Amino acid sequence: MTDSEEKKKKAAPPAQPEPPKLKPKMFIAPLLLLGSKKLGIDYSDPATLTNVRMAFALAMALCVSSCALMYAIVNRKKKKLTEDKVEVTSKDPMDGGKEKTETLTHFEHDVREVGKAFTNQIFGFGVVGAMHVYMKVNPPLLLQTVMLPMNLIEMPVFQCTLLGRKAEGKLARPWKPEEKPNPFSEMAKAFNPPEEGESKAAKKEGKKKK
């Protein structure tokens, strides 16, 4: 390496941290839970509570119906989806969470993903329903009325099956669950990047370990 190249490397500014990847969905939960009174939602009013219950039941019915429709669409394309295969890596809960790799046809993969979507909806319904019936907690009803359909719509199986998008790029099989970063930690990382000295020390420690 020449002296000029070394000087350029030294003069190069430190890499800027990536901006936080924030989505509007991240702020829906705190807004609904903390701002329900400002939105005029009074759970002590029987009529309001009945409307919230009806909205939650309607949202659940739509989500479950969507899962049933996705299964019907995938089953209808069984012959075509059986022609191609994909390797799927998952954690085996029966073997201490060790990763295992298996080869599935696109049909088997898609049916499994539809099953996961259905399970997520039923689990959310069960938890919120139990909290509402046994613990008399009402705000989660409104929260899940919005969040359950939004989470379902963002799932790759919904995007490719019901919305007709091509399974390529970010939607390419195998479909992995979306990472859900904490918006506040992402913002903290963006506004408080590590100092140059700390980053150099971390690099030196990494080299020593190697």
Protein backbone atom coordinates (compact mmCIF):
# COMPACT_ATOMS: atom_id res chain seq x y z
CA MET A 1 0.00 0.00 0.00
CA THR A 2 1.42 3.41 -0.98
CA ASP A 3 1.72 6.46 1.31
CA SER A 4 -1.00 8.31 -0.61
CA GLU A 5 -3.45 5.46 -0.07
CA GLU A 6 -2.66 5.39 3.64
CA LYS A 7 -3.24 9.16 3.92
CA LYS A 8 -6.59 8.84 2.14
CA LYS A 9 -7.66 6.12 4.54
CA LYS A 10 -6.65 8.23 7.54
CA ALA A 11 -8.40 11.31 6.15
CA ALA A 12 -11.60 9.41 5.32
CA PRO A 13 -14.45 10.42 7.63
CA PRO A 14 -15.86 7.75 9.97
CA ALA A 15 -18.82 5.80 8.61
CA GLN A 16 -22.12 7.31 9.62
CA PRO A 17 -24.62 5.04 11.39
CA GLU A 18 -27.63 3.94 9.39
CA PRO A 19 -30.80 5.91 10.10
CA PRO A 20 -33.31 4.07 12.29
CA LYS A 21 -35.83 2.00 10.36
CA LEU A 22 -39.04 3.24 11.91
CA LYS A 23 -42.48 2.24 10.77
CA PRO A 24 -45.79 3.89 11.67
CA LYS A 25 -46.97 0.52 13.04
CA MET A 26 -44.42 0.78 15.86
CA PHE A 27 -46.22 3.77 17.32
CA ILE A 28 -49.79 2.50 17.01
CA ALA A 29 -49.66 0.49 20.24
CA PRO A 30 -48.55 3.35 22.54
CA LEU A 31 -50.92 5.76 20.81
CA LEU A 32 -53.93 3.49 21.27
CA LEU A 33 -53.04 2.46 24.82
CA LEU A 34 -52.08 5.90 26.11
CA GLY A 35 -54.30 8.10 23.96
CA SER A 36 -57.61 6.25 24.16
CA LYS A 37 -59.12 8.91 26.40
CA LYS A 38 -58.12 11.69 24.03
CA LEU A 39 -59.70 9.71 21.21
CA GLY A 40 -62.96 9.72 23.16
CA ILE A 41 -62.93 5.99 23.98
CA ASP A 42 -64.55 5.42 27.37
CA TYR A 43 -64.51 1.75 28.30
CA SER A 44 -66.81 2.40 31.27
CA ASP A 45 -69.58 3.24 28.79
CA PRO A 46 -71.42 -0.02 27.94
CA ALA A 47 -72.24 1.14 24.41
CA THR A 48 -68.59 1.99 23.68
CA LEU A 49 -67.38 -1.30 25.12
CA THR A 50 -69.90 -3.20 23.00
CA ASN A 51 -68.69 -1.41 19.86
CA VAL A 52 -65.07 -2.27 20.68
CA ARG A 53 -66.01 -5.92 21.24
CA MET A 54 -67.87 -6.03 17.94
CA ALA A 55 -64.91 -4.45 16.11
CA PHE A 56 -62.55 -7.01 17.66
CA ALA A 57 -64.83 -9.90 16.70
CA LEU A 58 -65.13 -8.56 13.14
CA ALA A 59 -61.34 -8.17 12.83
CA MET A 60 -60.82 -11.73 14.05
CA ALA A 61 -63.45 -13.08 11.65
CA LEU A 62 -61.74 -11.32 8.74
CA CYS A 63 -58.31 -12.63 9.75
CA VAL A 64 -59.48 -16.23 10.15
CA SER A 65 -61.41 -16.02 6.87
CA SER A 66 -58.26 -14.72 5.16
CA CYS A 67 -56.27 -17.69 6.48
CA ALA A 68 -58.94 -20.09 5.21
CA LEU A 69 -58.90 -18.38 1.81
CA MET A 70 -55.09 -18.55 1.66
CA TYR A 71 -55.20 -22.28 2.35
CA ALA A 72 -57.78 -22.77 -0.39
CA ILE A 73 -55.65 -20.82 -2.90
CA VAL A 74 -52.47 -22.73 -1.99
CA ASN A 75 -54.30 -26.06 -2.20
CA ARG A 76 -55.67 -25.11 -5.60
CA LYS A 77 -52.11 -24.52 -6.85
CA LYS A 78 -50.80 -27.74 -5.32
CA LYS A 79 -49.67 -29.30 -8.61
CA LYS A 80 -47.67 -26.24 -9.67
CA LEU A 81 -46.20 -25.60 -6.22
CA THR A 82 -45.05 -29.21 -5.87
CA GLU A 83 -42.67 -28.87 -8.83
CA ASP A 84 -40.12 -26.67 -6.98
CA LYS A 85 -38.34 -27.19 -3.67
CA VAL A 86 -36.69 -24.94 -1.10
CA GLU A 87 -34.38 -25.51 1.87
CA VAL A 88 -35.81 -24.32 5.16
CA THR A 89 -33.75 -23.81 8.33
CA SER A 90 -35.68 -23.76 11.58
CA LYS A 91 -35.14 -24.40 15.28
CA ASP A 92 -36.33 -27.73 16.61
CA PRO A 93 -38.05 -27.23 20.00
CA MET A 94 -37.90 -31.00 20.64
CA ASP A 95 -34.10 -30.97 20.34
CA GLY A 96 -33.18 -28.09 22.61
CA GLY A 97 -33.73 -25.42 19.97
CA LYS A 98 -31.04 -26.71 17.65
CA GLU A 99 -31.25 -25.60 14.04
CA LYS A 100 -32.28 -28.15 11.46
CA THR A 101 -32.42 -27.90 7.69
CA GLU A 102 -35.05 -29.68 5.65
CA THR A 103 -36.08 -29.64 2.01
CA LEU A 104 -39.74 -28.82 1.34
CA THR A 105 -41.76 -28.36 -1.79
CA HIS A 106 -43.23 -24.90 -2.25
CA PHE A 107 -46.63 -26.40 -1.48
CA GLU A 108 -45.49 -27.84 1.86
CA HIS A 109 -43.71 -24.59 2.68
CA ASP A 110 -46.73 -22.42 1.89
CA VAL A 111 -49.15 -24.67 3.80
CA ARG A 112 -46.84 -24.46 6.81
CA GLU A 113 -46.76 -20.66 6.58
CA VAL A 114 -50.56 -20.48 6.34
CA GLY A 115 -50.70 -22.64 9.46
CA LYS A 116 -48.35 -20.24 11.26
CA ALA A 117 -50.49 -17.27 10.26
CA PHE A 118 -53.62 -19.02 11.53
CA THR A 119 -51.92 -19.99 14.80
CA ASN A 120 -50.77 -16.40 15.38
CA GLN A 121 -54.32 -15.12 14.95
CA ILE A 122 -55.84 -17.72 17.28
CA PHE A 123 -53.12 -17.15 19.88
CA GLY A 124 -53.71 -13.39 19.83
CA PHE A 125 -57.45 -13.91 20.08
CA GLY A 126 -57.07 -16.31 23.00
CA VAL A 127 -54.70 -14.11 25.01
CA VAL A 128 -56.73 -10.92 24.53
CA GLY A 129 -60.02 -12.73 25.14
CA ALA A 130 -58.72 -14.23 28.40
CA MET A 131 -57.41 -10.85 29.57
CA HIS A 132 -60.76 -9.25 28.80
CA VAL A 133 -62.99 -11.94 30.33
CA TYR A 134 -61.01 -12.95 33.40
CA MET A 135 -58.96 -9.84 34.16
CA LYS A 136 -61.46 -7.24 32.89
CA VAL A 137 -58.73 -5.55 30.80
CA ASN A 138 -60.28 -3.65 27.89
CA PRO A 139 -57.61 -1.64 25.98
CA PRO A 140 -56.00 -4.72 24.35
CA LEU A 141 -59.29 -5.35 22.54
CA LEU A 142 -58.91 -2.12 20.59
CA LEU A 143 -55.17 -2.60 20.14
CA GLN A 144 -55.47 -6.08 18.66
CA THR A 145 -58.40 -5.01 16.49
CA VAL A 146 -55.85 -2.91 14.61
CA MET A 147 -52.64 -4.89 15.08
CA LEU A 148 -53.78 -8.43 14.20
CA PRO A 149 -54.95 -7.52 10.66
CA MET A 150 -51.87 -5.32 10.10
CA ASN A 151 -49.51 -8.12 11.14
CA LEU A 152 -51.34 -10.58 8.91
CA ILE A 153 -51.19 -8.25 5.89
CA GLU A 154 -47.42 -7.81 6.30
CA MET A 155 -46.76 -11.57 6.30
CA PRO A 156 -45.12 -12.81 3.06
CA VAL A 157 -47.67 -15.61 2.70
CA PHE A 158 -50.46 -13.03 2.63
CA GLN A 159 -48.55 -10.80 0.22
CA CYS A 160 -47.88 -13.60 -2.27
CA THR A 161 -51.10 -15.57 -1.89
CA LEU A 162 -53.85 -12.99 -1.56
CA LEU A 163 -52.19 -9.90 -3.03
CA GLY A 164 -50.64 -11.82 -5.92
CA ARG A 165 -47.09 -10.53 -5.50
CA LYS A 166 -44.20 -12.53 -6.94
CA ALA A 167 -42.15 -14.60 -4.51
CA GLU A 168 -38.85 -12.90 -5.33
CA GLY A 169 -36.50 -10.45 -3.67
CA LYS A 170 -37.59 -9.85 -0.08
CA LEU A 171 -40.57 -12.13 -0.65
CA ALA A 172 -38.47 -15.04 -1.91
CA ARG A 173 -38.96 -18.39 -0.21
CA PRO A 174 -38.19 -19.48 2.44
CA TRP A 175 -40.17 -16.81 4.28
CA LYS A 176 -38.67 -15.70 7.54
CA PRO A 177 -40.47 -13.84 10.34
CA GLU A 178 -39.97 -10.12 10.29
CA GLU A 179 -37.55 -8.70 12.84
CA LYS A 180 -39.27 -6.23 15.10
CA PRO A 181 -36.72 -3.75 16.43
CA ASN A 182 -37.48 -1.48 19.34
CA PRO A 183 -38.04 2.03 17.87
CA PHE A 184 -36.56 3.73 20.93
CA SER A 185 -33.36 1.65 20.87
CA GLU A 186 -33.01 2.31 17.12
CA MET A 187 -33.35 6.05 17.71
CA ALA A 188 -30.83 5.90 20.56
CA LYS A 189 -28.29 4.15 18.32
CA ALA A 190 -28.77 6.76 15.60
CA PHE A 191 -28.35 9.76 17.88
CA ASN A 192 -25.60 8.26 20.05
CA PRO A 193 -23.10 6.59 17.68
CA PRO A 194 -20.02 4.97 19.26
CA GLU A 195 -17.02 7.27 19.59
CA GLU A 196 -14.09 6.81 17.25
CA GLY A 197 -11.85 5.65 20.09
CA GLU A 198 -14.36 3.06 21.21
CA SER A 199 -14.76 1.69 17.69
CA LYS A 200 -10.97 1.41 17.27
CA ALA A 201 -10.67 -0.39 20.61
CA ALA A 202 -13.40 -2.81 19.58
CA LYS A 203 -11.57 -3.52 16.31
CA LYS A 204 -8.29 -4.19 18.17
CA GLU A 205 -10.02 -6.57 20.55
CA GLY A 206 -11.54 -8.39 17.59
CA LYS A 207 -8.12 -8.80 15.96
CA LYS A 208 -6.62 -10.14 19.22
CA LYS A 209 -9.36 -12.76 19.50
CA LYS A 210 -8.64 -13.89 15.91
